[in-house]
N, C-alpha and C. Protein backbone atom coordinates (compact mmCIF):
# COMPACT_ATOMS: atom_id res chain seq x y z
N UNK A 1 0.99 -1.34 0.22
CA UNK A 1 0.25 -0.34 0.20
C UNK A 1 0.36 0.93 0.40
N UNK A 2 2.22 1.58 1.03
CA UNK A 2 2.32 2.21 0.41
C UNK A 2 3.57 2.83 -0.91
N UNK A 3 3.22 1.05 -1.40
CA UNK A 3 3.82 1.41 -3.18
C UNK A 3 3.54 2.72 -3.59
N UNK A 4 1.73 2.35 -4.03
CA UNK A 4 0.88 2.30 -4.24
C UNK A 4 0.29 3.71 -4.38
N UNK A 5 0.64 4.47 -2.85
CA UNK A 5 0.63 5.85 -2.82
C UNK A 5 1.63 6.97 -3.18
N UNK A 6 3.03 6.59 -2.76
CA UNK A 6 4.60 6.54 -3.08
C UNK A 6 3.73 7.07 -4.98
N UNK A 7 3.64 5.76 -5.28
CA UNK A 7 3.35 6.74 -6.92
C UNK A 7 2.42 7.08 -7.70
N UNK A 8 1.56 7.56 -6.56
CA UNK A 8 0.43 8.33 -6.40
C UNK A 8 1.68 9.74 -7.12
N UNK A 9 1.90 9.75 -5.61
CA UNK A 9 2.52 11.15 -5.04
C UNK A 9 3.94 11.31 -6.55
N UNK A 10 4.49 10.51 -6.98
CA UNK A 10 5.25 10.52 -8.17
C UNK A 10 4.30 11.56 -8.57
N UNK A 11 3.57 10.79 -9.23
CA UNK A 11 2.85 10.65 -11.62
C UNK A 11 2.15 12.92 -10.54
N UNK A 12 1.80 12.61 -9.18
CA UNK A 12 1.68 14.09 -8.83
C UNK A 12 2.31 14.91 -9.33
N UNK A 13 3.80 14.71 -8.92
CA UNK A 13 4.67 15.91 -8.74
C UNK A 13 5.50 15.78 -10.76
N UNK A 14 5.02 14.73 -11.64
CA UNK A 14 5.39 15.03 -13.20
C UNK A 14 4.73 15.63 -13.45
N UNK A 15 3.28 15.48 -13.33
CA UNK A 15 2.41 16.23 -13.80
C UNK A 15 3.22 17.45 -13.46
N UNK A 16 2.34 18.01 -12.30
CA UNK A 16 2.46 19.22 -11.63
C UNK A 16 4.14 20.08 -12.02
N UNK A 17 5.17 19.35 -12.30
CA UNK A 17 6.54 20.03 -13.20
C UNK A 17 5.93 20.34 -14.76
N UNK A 18 5.66 18.98 -15.29
CA UNK A 18 5.46 19.74 -16.57
C UNK A 18 4.28 20.69 -16.96
N UNK A 19 3.30 20.83 -15.67
CA UNK A 19 2.21 22.59 -15.92
C UNK A 19 2.81 23.41 -15.37
N UNK A 20 3.79 23.10 -14.89
CA UNK A 20 4.93 24.20 -14.23
C UNK A 20 5.97 24.65 -15.59
N UNK A 21 6.45 24.29 -16.23
CA UNK A 21 7.73 24.01 -17.50
C UNK A 21 6.49 24.61 -18.03
N UNK A 22 5.56 24.37 -18.38
CA UNK A 22 5.02 24.92 -19.88
C UNK A 22 3.73 26.37 -19.47
N UNK A 23 3.61 26.40 -18.62
CA UNK A 23 3.17 28.26 -17.74
C UNK A 23 4.79 28.48 -18.20
N UNK A 24 5.90 28.71 -17.65
CA UNK A 24 6.75 29.44 -17.66
C UNK A 24 7.32 29.47 -18.76
N UNK A 25 7.75 28.05 -19.65
CA UNK A 25 7.64 28.57 -20.74
C UNK A 25 6.93 29.57 -22.04
N UNK A 26 5.25 29.85 -22.09
CA UNK A 26 4.89 30.34 -22.77
C UNK A 26 4.71 31.40 -21.77
N UNK A 27 5.54 32.27 -20.70
CA UNK A 27 5.61 33.80 -20.79
C UNK A 27 6.93 33.97 -20.63
N UNK A 28 7.87 32.77 -20.89
CA UNK A 28 8.90 33.54 -21.61
C UNK A 28 9.16 33.61 -23.72
N UNK A 29 8.28 32.45 -23.85
CA UNK A 29 7.80 33.37 -25.72
C UNK A 29 7.07 33.80 -25.64
N UNK A 30 5.88 34.69 -24.98
CA UNK A 30 5.45 35.59 -24.36
C UNK A 30 6.05 37.01 -24.13
N UNK A 31 6.76 36.64 -23.19
CA UNK A 31 8.47 38.37 -22.97
C UNK A 31 9.03 38.72 -24.69
N UNK A 32 9.34 37.99 -24.96
CA UNK A 32 10.99 37.53 -26.80
C UNK A 32 9.66 38.78 -27.09
N UNK A 33 8.30 38.02 -27.89
CA UNK A 33 7.01 38.99 -28.74
C UNK A 33 7.11 40.91 -28.36
N UNK A 34 7.87 41.38 -28.87
CA UNK A 34 7.52 43.06 -28.50
C UNK A 34 5.94 43.63 -28.29
N UNK A 35 5.64 45.22 -27.49
CA UNK A 35 4.12 44.76 -27.23
C UNK A 35 3.99 46.40 -28.44
N UNK A 36 4.30 46.28 -29.78
CA UNK A 36 3.50 46.89 -30.97
C UNK A 36 2.99 47.86 -30.17
N UNK A 37 1.63 48.10 -29.30
CA UNK A 37 1.27 48.72 -29.36
C UNK A 37 0.91 49.89 -27.81
N UNK A 38 1.75 49.61 -27.48
CA UNK A 38 3.08 51.05 -26.41
C UNK A 38 3.68 51.74 -27.31
N UNK A 39 4.42 50.88 -28.43
CA UNK A 39 5.04 51.81 -28.96
C UNK A 39 4.55 52.79 -29.85
N UNK A 40 3.53 52.71 -29.70
CA UNK A 40 2.85 53.63 -31.26
C UNK A 40 2.24 54.21 -30.07
N UNK A 41 1.44 53.92 -29.08
CA UNK A 41 1.16 55.37 -28.66
C UNK A 41 2.04 55.94 -28.53
N UNK A 42 3.55 55.95 -27.50
CA UNK A 42 4.69 56.41 -26.73
C UNK A 42 4.75 57.48 -27.73
N UNK A 43 4.94 57.21 -29.68
CA UNK A 43 5.11 58.05 -30.82
C UNK A 43 4.20 59.19 -31.38
N UNK A 44 3.07 58.49 -30.65
CA UNK A 44 2.18 59.76 -31.12
C UNK A 44 1.98 60.56 -30.81
C-alpha cells in the first residue's frame, strides 16, 4: 500500500512539474514578442 501512495505522489509531482514548465515556457515566449501597441502610443 505504501508503494501505491508513493507512485501516486511521484505521478502527481511529474504532472505538476510538466505544467509548471509549460507555463514558464509560455511566459518566456510572450516576453520575446515586443508590445507594438505601447510603442505606437508613445510616439504619437
